[in-house]
Amino acid sequence: MIDKYESRRIRAEIRRVLMTVWDPLGIRDEPHAQDEYDSYLGDVFALLASGAFDDQLNEHLLRIDTERMEVPAKKEDMRSTVSALRQIQLPQ
C-alpha cells in the first residue's frame, strides 16, 4: 500500500509529465490551465502501479486524445510520454 505522501508525490510527477510532455491541447504555458489534465491522473497512476505494459499506457493516452478531447493523435506520438512516465519512481 502506498502512503498518502508517496501517492501525492507520484501524482505530482504524473501531472508534470502530462502537462509538459503529453500536452495534447498545447496549454503547458497557460497559468490558469495547469490542472487541465488532473482528471486523468488517477487512471494513469493505476496503470503504472499495476505494472501495465507500454502498449496499455499508449492506448489509454491515445483514447483520451481521440475520444475525450477529440484531438488527432497517433500511437507513435505517445512514446515520449510513456517513456517519461516510466521514469517516475514507484515504491517497490
PDB file of N, CA and C in Angstrom:
ATOM      1  N   MET A   1       0.839  -1.182   0.000  1.00  0.00           N
ATOM      2  CA  MET A   1       0.000   0.000   0.000  1.00  0.00           C
ATOM      3  C   MET A   1       0.887   1.250   0.000  1.00  0.00           C
ATOM      4  N   ILE A   2       0.517   2.210  -0.795  1.00  0.00           N
ATOM      5  CA  ILE A   2       1.274   3.453  -0.923  1.00  0.00           C
ATOM      6  C   ILE A   2       0.715   4.471   0.072  1.00  0.00           C
ATOM      7  N   ASP A   3       1.608   5.086   0.871  1.00  0.00           N
ATOM      8  CA  ASP A   3       1.105   6.080   1.823  1.00  0.00           C
ATOM      9  C   ASP A   3       0.724   7.368   1.091  1.00  0.00           C
ATOM     10  N   LYS A   4      -0.007   8.236   1.783  1.00  0.00           N
ATOM     11  CA  LYS A   4      -0.570   9.418   1.125  1.00  0.00           C
ATOM     12  C   LYS A   4       0.497  10.385   0.605  1.00  0.00           C
ATOM     13  N   TYR A   5       1.628  10.474   1.281  1.00  0.00           N
ATOM     14  CA  TYR A   5       2.677  11.388   0.832  1.00  0.00           C
ATOM     15  C   TYR A   5       3.338  10.874  -0.449  1.00  0.00           C
ATOM     16  N   GLU A   6       3.546   9.578  -0.494  1.00  0.00           N
ATOM     17  CA  GLU A   6       4.119   8.957  -1.695  1.00  0.00           C
ATOM     18  C   GLU A   6       3.126   9.071  -2.850  1.00  0.00           C
ATOM     19  N   SER A   7       1.863   8.860  -2.562  1.00  0.00           N
ATOM     20  CA  SER A   7       0.823   8.985  -3.580  1.00  0.00           C
ATOM     21  C   SER A   7       0.784  10.406  -4.146  1.00  0.00           C
ATOM     22  N   ARG A   8       0.882  11.390  -3.281  1.00  0.00           N
ATOM     23  CA  ARG A   8       0.885  12.796  -3.736  1.00  0.00           C
ATOM     24  C   ARG A   8       2.094  13.083  -4.615  1.00  0.00           C
ATOM     25  N   ARG A   9       3.251  12.552  -4.208  1.00  0.00           N
ATOM     26  CA  ARG A   9       4.479  12.765  -4.995  1.00  0.00           C
ATOM     27  C   ARG A   9       4.327  12.170  -6.387  1.00  0.00           C
ATOM     28  N   ILE A  10       3.825  10.945  -6.446  1.00  0.00           N
ATOM     29  CA  ILE A  10       3.670  10.271  -7.732  1.00  0.00           C
ATOM     30  C   ILE A  10       2.666  11.008  -8.603  1.00  0.00           C
ATOM     31  N   ARG A  11       1.546  11.408  -8.021  1.00  0.00           N
ATOM     32  CA  ARG A  11       0.539  12.157  -8.782  1.00  0.00           C
ATOM     33  C   ARG A  11       1.097  13.482  -9.290  1.00  0.00           C
ATOM     34  N   ALA A  12       1.911  14.142  -8.483  1.00  0.00           N
ATOM     35  CA  ALA A  12       2.526  15.402  -8.918  1.00  0.00           C
ATOM     36  C   ALA A  12       3.462  15.162 -10.102  1.00  0.00           C
ATOM     37  N   GLU A  13       4.189  14.065 -10.061  1.00  0.00           N
ATOM     38  CA  GLU A  13       5.087  13.752 -11.171  1.00  0.00           C
ATOM     39  C   GLU A  13       4.300  13.380 -12.432  1.00  0.00           C
ATOM     40  N   ILE A  14       3.228  12.626 -12.271  1.00  0.00           N
ATOM     41  CA  ILE A  14       2.380  12.296 -13.429  1.00  0.00           C
ATOM     42  C   ILE A  14       1.806  13.579 -14.012  1.00  0.00           C
ATOM     43  N   ARG A  15       1.342  14.462 -13.146  1.00  0.00           N
ATOM     44  CA  ARG A  15       0.783  15.741 -13.601  1.00  0.00           C
ATOM     45  C   ARG A  15       1.815  16.516 -14.421  1.00  0.00           C
ATOM     46  N   ARG A  16       3.055  16.551 -13.920  1.00  0.00           N
ATOM     47  CA  ARG A  16       4.130  17.253 -14.633  1.00  0.00           C
ATOM     48  C   ARG A  16       4.354  16.652 -16.013  1.00  0.00           C
ATOM     49  N   VAL A  17       4.382  15.326 -16.096  1.00  0.00           N
ATOM     50  CA  VAL A  17       4.594  14.659 -17.383  1.00  0.00           C
ATOM     51  C   VAL A  17       3.427  14.952 -18.333  1.00  0.00           C
ATOM     52  N   LEU A  18       2.219  14.845 -17.840  1.00  0.00           N
ATOM     53  CA  LEU A  18       1.064  15.098 -18.710  1.00  0.00           C
ATOM     54  C   LEU A  18       1.060  16.537 -19.206  1.00  0.00           C
ATOM     55  N   MET A  19       1.465  17.467 -18.367  1.00  0.00           N
ATOM     56  CA  MET A  19       1.450  18.877 -18.757  1.00  0.00           C
ATOM     57  C   MET A  19       2.635  19.258 -19.647  1.00  0.00           C
ATOM     58  N   THR A  20       3.800  18.691 -19.386  1.00  0.00           N
ATOM     59  CA  THR A  20       4.986  19.140 -20.124  1.00  0.00           C
ATOM     60  C   THR A  20       5.381  18.257 -21.301  1.00  0.00           C
ATOM     61  N   VAL A  21       5.052  16.978 -21.242  1.00  0.00           N
ATOM     62  CA  VAL A  21       5.457  16.078 -22.329  1.00  0.00           C
ATOM     63  C   VAL A  21       4.256  15.740 -23.210  1.00  0.00           C
ATOM     64  N   TRP A  22       3.177  15.312 -22.614  1.00  0.00           N
ATOM     65  CA  TRP A  22       1.996  14.878 -23.377  1.00  0.00           C
ATOM     66  C   TRP A  22       1.277  16.087 -23.968  1.00  0.00           C
ATOM     67  N   ASP A  23       0.694  16.928 -23.167  1.00  0.00           N
ATOM     68  CA  ASP A  23       0.057  18.206 -23.510  1.00  0.00           C
ATOM     69  C   ASP A  23      -0.599  18.274 -24.891  1.00  0.00           C
ATOM     70  N   PRO A  24      -1.610  17.437 -25.147  1.00  0.00           N
ATOM     71  CA  PRO A  24      -2.239  17.430 -26.470  1.00  0.00           C
ATOM     72  C   PRO A  24      -2.977  18.724 -26.811  1.00  0.00           C
ATOM     73  N   LEU A  25      -3.323  19.521 -25.817  1.00  0.00           N
ATOM     74  CA  LEU A  25      -4.035  20.775 -26.071  1.00  0.00           C
ATOM     75  C   LEU A  25      -3.099  21.971 -26.193  1.00  0.00           C
ATOM     76  N   GLY A  26      -1.807  21.760 -25.931  1.00  0.00           N
ATOM     77  CA  GLY A  26      -0.833  22.841 -26.060  1.00  0.00           C
ATOM     78  C   GLY A  26      -1.027  23.956 -25.045  1.00  0.00           C
ATOM     79  N   ILE A  27      -1.271  23.586 -23.799  1.00  0.00           N
ATOM     80  CA  ILE A  27      -1.576  24.588 -22.773  1.00  0.00           C
ATOM     81  C   ILE A  27      -0.524  24.672 -21.675  1.00  0.00           C
ATOM     82  N   ARG A  28       0.605  24.054 -21.859  1.00  0.00           N
ATOM     83  CA  ARG A  28       1.613  23.982 -20.784  1.00  0.00           C
ATOM     84  C   ARG A  28       2.030  25.340 -20.257  1.00  0.00           C
ATOM     85  N   ASP A  29       1.969  26.357 -21.074  1.00  0.00           N
ATOM     86  CA  ASP A  29       2.403  27.689 -20.641  1.00  0.00           C
ATOM     87  C   ASP A  29       1.249  28.575 -20.185  1.00  0.00           C
ATOM     88  N   GLU A  30       0.057  28.026 -20.129  1.00  0.00           N
ATOM     89  CA  GLU A  30      -1.117  28.787 -19.686  1.00  0.00           C
ATOM     90  C   GLU A  30      -1.278  28.613 -18.183  1.00  0.00           C
ATOM     91  N   PRO A  31      -1.007  29.656 -17.385  1.00  0.00           N
ATOM     92  CA  PRO A  31      -1.038  29.512 -15.930  1.00  0.00           C
ATOM     93  C   PRO A  31      -2.400  29.095 -15.364  1.00  0.00           C
ATOM     94  N   HIS A  32      -3.469  29.457 -16.008  1.00  0.00           N
ATOM     95  CA  HIS A  32      -4.809  29.140 -15.494  1.00  0.00           C
ATOM     96  C   HIS A  32      -5.291  27.759 -15.920  1.00  0.00           C
ATOM     97  N   ALA A  33      -4.461  27.016 -16.633  1.00  0.00           N
ATOM     98  CA  ALA A  33      -4.872  25.695 -17.120  1.00  0.00           C
ATOM     99  C   ALA A  33      -3.994  24.576 -16.562  1.00  0.00           C
ATOM    100  N   GLN A  34      -3.267  24.849 -15.517  1.00  0.00           N
ATOM    101  CA  GLN A  34      -2.321  23.862 -15.002  1.00  0.00           C
ATOM    102  C   GLN A  34      -2.980  22.615 -14.425  1.00  0.00           C
ATOM    103  N   ASP A  35      -4.280  22.658 -14.191  1.00  0.00           N
ATOM    104  CA  ASP A  35      -4.996  21.484 -13.678  1.00  0.00           C
ATOM    105  C   ASP A  35      -5.839  20.801 -14.757  1.00  0.00           C
ATOM    106  N   GLU A  36      -5.652  21.188 -15.983  1.00  0.00           N
ATOM    107  CA  GLU A  36      -6.482  20.706 -17.102  1.00  0.00           C
ATOM    108  C   GLU A  36      -6.489  19.179 -17.233  1.00  0.00           C
ATOM    109  N   TYR A  37      -5.387  18.537 -16.972  1.00  0.00           N
ATOM    110  CA  TYR A  37      -5.285  17.089 -17.170  1.00  0.00           C
ATOM    111  C   TYR A  37      -5.439  16.293 -15.869  1.00  0.00           C
ATOM    112  N   ASP A  38      -5.778  16.961 -14.787  1.00  0.00           N
ATOM    113  CA  ASP A  38      -5.863  16.290 -13.485  1.00  0.00           C
ATOM    114  C   ASP A  38      -6.875  15.154 -13.450  1.00  0.00           C
ATOM    115  N   SER A  39      -7.908  15.218 -14.248  1.00  0.00           N
ATOM    116  CA  SER A  39      -8.911  14.143 -14.234  1.00  0.00           C
ATOM    117  C   SER A  39      -8.348  12.830 -14.777  1.00  0.00           C
ATOM    118  N   TYR A  40      -7.181  12.867 -15.399  1.00  0.00           N
ATOM    119  CA  TYR A  40      -6.567  11.663 -15.952  1.00  0.00           C
ATOM    120  C   TYR A  40      -5.506  11.065 -15.034  1.00  0.00           C
ATOM    121  N   LEU A  41      -5.164  11.763 -13.966  1.00  0.00           N
ATOM    122  CA  LEU A  41      -4.095  11.305 -13.068  1.00  0.00           C
ATOM    123  C   LEU A  41      -4.379   9.942 -12.454  1.00  0.00           C
ATOM    124  N   GLY A  42      -5.576   9.744 -11.954  1.00  0.00           N
ATOM    125  CA  GLY A  42      -5.911   8.500 -11.261  1.00  0.00           C
ATOM    126  C   GLY A  42      -5.757   7.279 -12.136  1.00  0.00           C
ATOM    127  N   ASP A  43      -6.270   7.350 -13.349  1.00  0.00           N
ATOM    128  CA  ASP A  43      -6.173   6.200 -14.259  1.00  0.00           C
ATOM    129  C   ASP A  43      -4.727   5.918 -14.656  1.00  0.00           C
ATOM    130  N   VAL A  44      -3.966   6.972 -14.920  1.00  0.00           N
ATOM    131  CA  VAL A  44      -2.561   6.774 -15.292  1.00  0.00           C
ATOM    132  C   VAL A  44      -1.798   6.190 -14.100  1.00  0.00           C
ATOM    133  N   PHE A  45      -2.071   6.714 -12.911  1.00  0.00           N
ATOM    134  CA  PHE A  45      -1.442   6.185 -11.688  1.00  0.00           C
ATOM    135  C   PHE A  45      -1.768   4.699 -11.543  1.00  0.00           C
ATOM    136  N   ALA A  46      -3.021   4.346 -11.704  1.00  0.00           N
ATOM    137  CA  ALA A  46      -3.444   2.946 -11.564  1.00  0.00           C
ATOM    138  C   ALA A  46      -2.741   2.053 -12.578  1.00  0.00           C
ATOM    139  N   LEU A  47      -2.614   2.522 -13.800  1.00  0.00           N
ATOM    140  CA  LEU A  47      -1.926   1.730 -14.814  1.00  0.00           C
ATOM    141  C   LEU A  47      -0.459   1.519 -14.443  1.00  0.00           C
ATOM    142  N   LEU A  48       0.204   2.585 -14.015  1.00  0.00           N
ATOM    143  CA  LEU A  48       1.608   2.460 -13.622  1.00  0.00           C
ATOM    144  C   LEU A  48       1.763   1.526 -12.430  1.00  0.00           C
ATOM    145  N   ALA A  49       0.931   1.709 -11.430  1.00  0.00           N
ATOM    146  CA  ALA A  49       1.034   0.911 -10.207  1.00  0.00           C
ATOM    147  C   ALA A  49       0.720  -0.559 -10.444  1.00  0.00           C
ATOM    148  N   SER A  50      -0.122  -0.836 -11.437  1.00  0.00           N
ATOM    149  CA  SER A  50      -0.490  -2.228 -11.714  1.00  0.00           C
ATOM    150  C   SER A  50       0.509  -2.931 -12.622  1.00  0.00           C
ATOM    151  N   GLY A  51       1.519  -2.184 -13.094  1.00  0.00           N
ATOM    152  CA  GLY A  51       2.527  -2.797 -13.953  1.00  0.00           C
ATOM    153  C   GLY A  51       2.099  -2.905 -15.403  1.00  0.00           C
ATOM    154  N   ALA A  52       1.233  -2.010 -15.832  1.00  0.00           N
ATOM    155  CA  ALA A  52       0.751  -2.020 -17.213  1.00  0.00           C
ATOM    156  C   ALA A  52       1.922  -1.952 -18.194  1.00  0.00           C
ATOM    157  N   PHE A  53       1.737  -2.589 -19.321  1.00  0.00           N
ATOM    158  CA  PHE A  53       2.736  -2.553 -20.388  1.00  0.00           C
ATOM    159  C   PHE A  53       2.699  -1.202 -21.090  1.00  0.00           C
ATOM    160  N   ASP A  54       3.774  -0.870 -21.785  1.00  0.00           N
ATOM    161  CA  ASP A  54       3.837   0.390 -22.520  1.00  0.00           C
ATOM    162  C   ASP A  54       2.674   0.517 -23.492  1.00  0.00           C
ATOM    163  N   ASP A  55       2.325  -0.575 -24.172  1.00  0.00           N
ATOM    164  CA  ASP A  55       1.216  -0.527 -25.129  1.00  0.00           C
ATOM    165  C   ASP A  55      -0.098  -0.154 -24.450  1.00  0.00           C
ATOM    166  N   GLN A  56      -0.289  -0.607 -23.220  1.00  0.00           N
ATOM    167  CA  GLN A  56      -1.515  -0.268 -22.497  1.00  0.00           C
ATOM    168  C   GLN A  56      -1.544   1.221 -22.156  1.00  0.00           C
ATOM    169  N   LEU A  57      -0.424   1.758 -21.719  1.00  0.00           N
ATOM    170  CA  LEU A  57      -0.343   3.198 -21.449  1.00  0.00           C
ATOM    171  C   LEU A  57      -0.549   3.990 -22.731  1.00  0.00           C
ATOM    172  N   ASN A  58       0.108   3.537 -23.804  1.00  0.00           N
ATOM    173  CA  ASN A  58      -0.042   4.164 -25.113  1.00  0.00           C
ATOM    174  C   ASN A  58      -1.507   4.239 -25.526  1.00  0.00           C
ATOM    175  N   GLU A  59      -2.184   3.113 -25.459  1.00  0.00           N
ATOM    176  CA  GLU A  59      -3.585   3.037 -25.877  1.00  0.00           C
ATOM    177  C   GLU A  59      -4.481   3.898 -25.001  1.00  0.00           C
ATOM    178  N   HIS A  60      -4.211   3.923 -23.711  1.00  0.00           N
ATOM    179  CA  HIS A  60      -5.011   4.740 -22.800  1.00  0.00           C
ATOM    180  C   HIS A  60      -4.899   6.224 -23.158  1.00  0.00           C
ATOM    181  N   LEU A  61      -3.673   6.696 -23.341  1.00  0.00           N
ATOM    182  CA  LEU A  61      -3.460   8.104 -23.696  1.00  0.00           C
ATOM    183  C   LEU A  61      -4.048   8.421 -25.071  1.00  0.00           C
ATOM    184  N   LEU A  62      -3.906   7.502 -25.982  1.00  0.00           N
ATOM    185  CA  LEU A  62      -4.459   7.693 -27.321  1.00  0.00           C
ATOM    186  C   LEU A  62      -5.984   7.804 -27.275  1.00  0.00           C
ATOM    187  N   ARG A  63      -6.611   6.968 -26.450  1.00  0.00           N
ATOM    188  CA  ARG A  63      -8.072   7.034 -26.288  1.00  0.00           C
ATOM    189  C   ARG A  63      -8.508   8.375 -25.710  1.00  0.00           C
ATOM    190  N   ILE A  64      -7.765   8.869 -24.738  1.00  0.00           N
ATOM    191  CA  ILE A  64      -8.091  10.179 -24.166  1.00  0.00           C
ATOM    192  C   ILE A  64      -8.020  11.241 -25.249  1.00  0.00           C
ATOM    193  N   ASP A  65      -6.934  11.220 -26.007  1.00  0.00           N
ATOM    194  CA  ASP A  65      -6.760  12.205 -27.088  1.00  0.00           C
ATOM    195  C   ASP A  65      -7.914  12.165 -28.082  1.00  0.00           C
ATOM    196  N   THR A  66      -8.183  10.982 -28.582  1.00  0.00           N
ATOM    197  CA  THR A  66      -9.128  10.873 -29.697  1.00  0.00           C
ATOM    198  C   THR A  66     -10.591  10.853 -29.280  1.00  0.00           C
ATOM    199  N   GLU A  67     -10.910  10.221 -28.139  1.00  0.00           N
ATOM    200  CA  GLU A  67     -12.305  10.092 -27.741  1.00  0.00           C
ATOM    201  C   GLU A  67     -12.778  11.204 -26.815  1.00  0.00           C
ATOM    202  N   ARG A  68     -11.976  11.563 -25.847  1.00  0.00           N
ATOM    203  CA  ARG A  68     -12.405  12.582 -24.885  1.00  0.00           C
ATOM    204  C   ARG A  68     -12.107  13.996 -25.363  1.00  0.00           C
ATOM    205  N   MET A  69     -10.905  14.189 -25.891  1.00  0.00           N
ATOM    206  CA  MET A  69     -10.504  15.531 -26.320  1.00  0.00           C
ATOM    207  C   MET A  69     -10.781  15.785 -27.792  1.00  0.00           C
ATOM    208  N   GLU A  70     -10.983  14.703 -28.515  1.00  0.00           N
ATOM    209  CA  GLU A  70     -11.206  14.777 -29.960  1.00  0.00           C
ATOM    210  C   GLU A  70     -10.058  15.495 -30.675  1.00  0.00           C
ATOM    211  N   VAL A  71      -8.857  15.139 -30.249  1.00  0.00           N
ATOM    212  CA  VAL A  71      -7.634  15.675 -30.842  1.00  0.00           C
ATOM    213  C   VAL A  71      -6.985  14.545 -31.628  1.00  0.00           C
ATOM    214  N   PRO A  72      -6.642  14.769 -32.892  1.00  0.00           N
ATOM    215  CA  PRO A  72      -5.998  13.696 -33.649  1.00  0.00           C
ATOM    216  C   PRO A  72      -4.631  13.360 -33.062  1.00  0.00           C
ATOM    217  N   ALA A  73      -4.380  12.079 -32.919  1.00  0.00           N
ATOM    218  CA  ALA A  73      -3.101  11.625 -32.378  1.00  0.00           C
ATOM    219  C   ALA A  73      -2.775  10.261 -32.956  1.00  0.00           C
ATOM    220  N   LYS A  74      -1.504   9.918 -32.894  1.00  0.00           N
ATOM    221  CA  LYS A  74      -1.039   8.622 -33.360  1.00  0.00           C
ATOM    222  C   LYS A  74      -0.353   7.911 -32.220  1.00  0.00           C
ATOM    223  N   LYS A  75      -0.355   6.602 -32.279  1.00  0.00           N
ATOM    224  CA  LYS A  75       0.277   5.794 -31.241  1.00  0.00           C
ATOM    225  C   LYS A  75       1.739   6.196 -31.055  1.00  0.00           C
ATOM    226  N   GLU A  76       2.417   6.515 -32.144  1.00  0.00           N
ATOM    227  CA  GLU A  76       3.826   6.906 -32.071  1.00  0.00           C
ATOM    228  C   GLU A  76       4.015   8.194 -31.282  1.00  0.00           C
ATOM    229  N   ASP A  77       2.981   9.050 -31.268  1.00  0.00           N
ATOM    230  CA  ASP A  77       3.065  10.322 -30.556  1.00  0.00           C
ATOM    231  C   ASP A  77       3.180  10.134 -29.046  1.00  0.00           C
ATOM    232  N   MET A  78       2.812   8.974 -28.549  1.00  0.00           N
ATOM    233  CA  MET A  78       2.768   8.723 -27.116  1.00  0.00           C
ATOM    234  C   MET A  78       4.082   8.182 -26.555  1.00  0.00           C
ATOM    235  N   ARG A  79       5.011   7.834 -27.410  1.00  0.00           N
ATOM    236  CA  ARG A  79       6.261   7.205 -26.951  1.00  0.00           C
ATOM    237  C   ARG A  79       7.005   8.041 -25.925  1.00  0.00           C
ATOM    238  N   SER A  80       7.172   9.329 -26.191  1.00  0.00           N
ATOM    239  CA  SER A  80       7.925  10.173 -25.254  1.00  0.00           C
ATOM    240  C   SER A  80       7.182  10.324 -23.932  1.00  0.00           C
ATOM    241  N   THR A  81       5.861  10.349 -23.987  1.00  0.00           N
ATOM    242  CA  THR A  81       5.075  10.448 -22.755  1.00  0.00           C
ATOM    243  C   THR A  81       5.214   9.180 -21.931  1.00  0.00           C
ATOM    244  N   VAL A  82       5.076   8.032 -22.572  1.00  0.00           N
ATOM    245  CA  VAL A  82       5.216   6.763 -21.852  1.00  0.00           C
ATOM    246  C   VAL A  82       6.623   6.647 -21.277  1.00  0.00           C
ATOM    247  N   SER A  83       7.619   7.040 -22.034  1.00  0.00           N
ATOM    248  CA  SER A  83       8.997   6.998 -21.549  1.00  0.00           C
ATOM    249  C   SER A  83       9.161   7.884 -20.310  1.00  0.00           C
ATOM    250  N   ALA A  84       8.601   9.080 -20.340  1.00  0.00           N
ATOM    251  CA  ALA A  84       8.688   9.985 -19.189  1.00  0.00           C
ATOM    252  C   ALA A  84       7.928   9.428 -17.992  1.00  0.00           C
ATOM    253  N   LEU A  85       6.775   8.811 -18.228  1.00  0.00           N
ATOM    254  CA  LEU A  85       6.019   8.202 -17.135  1.00  0.00           C
ATOM    255  C   LEU A  85       6.808   7.058 -16.503  1.00  0.00           C
ATOM    256  N   ARG A  86       7.538   6.318 -17.307  1.00  0.00           N
ATOM    257  CA  ARG A  86       8.336   5.196 -16.802  1.00  0.00           C
ATOM    258  C   ARG A  86       9.495   5.668 -15.915  1.00  0.00           C
ATOM    259  N   GLN A  87       9.881   6.924 -16.026  1.00  0.00           N
ATOM    260  CA  GLN A  87      10.957   7.463 -15.206  1.00  0.00           C
ATOM    261  C   GLN A  87      10.507   7.772 -13.783  1.00  0.00           C
ATOM    262  N   ILE A  88       9.205   7.778 -13.550  1.00  0.00           N
ATOM    263  CA  ILE A  88       8.682   8.066 -12.217  1.00  0.00           C
ATOM    264  C   ILE A  88       8.979   6.905 -11.286  1.00  0.00           C
ATOM    265  N   GLN A  89       9.607   7.210 -10.180  1.00  0.00           N
ATOM    266  CA  GLN A  89       9.968   6.185  -9.196  1.00  0.00           C
ATOM    267  C   GLN A  89       8.725   5.729  -8.441  1.00  0.00           C
ATOM    268  N   LEU A  90       8.394   4.459  -8.592  1.00  0.00           N
ATOM    269  CA  LEU A  90       7.272   3.862  -7.870  1.00  0.00           C
ATOM    270  C   LEU A  90       7.795   3.037  -6.709  1.00  0.00           C
ATOM    271  N   PRO A  91       7.051   2.949  -5.601  1.00  0.00           N
ATOM    272  CA  PRO A  91       7.501   2.123  -4.477  1.00  0.00           C
ATOM    273  C   PRO A  91       7.556   0.657  -4.879  1.00  0.00           C
ATOM    274  N   GLN A  92       8.449  -0.062  -4.275  1.00  0.00           N
ATOM    275  CA  GLN A  92       8.620  -1.491  -4.578  1.00  0.00           C
ATOM    276  C   GLN A  92       7.493  -2.308  -4.025  1.00  0.00           C
TER     277      GLN A  92
END
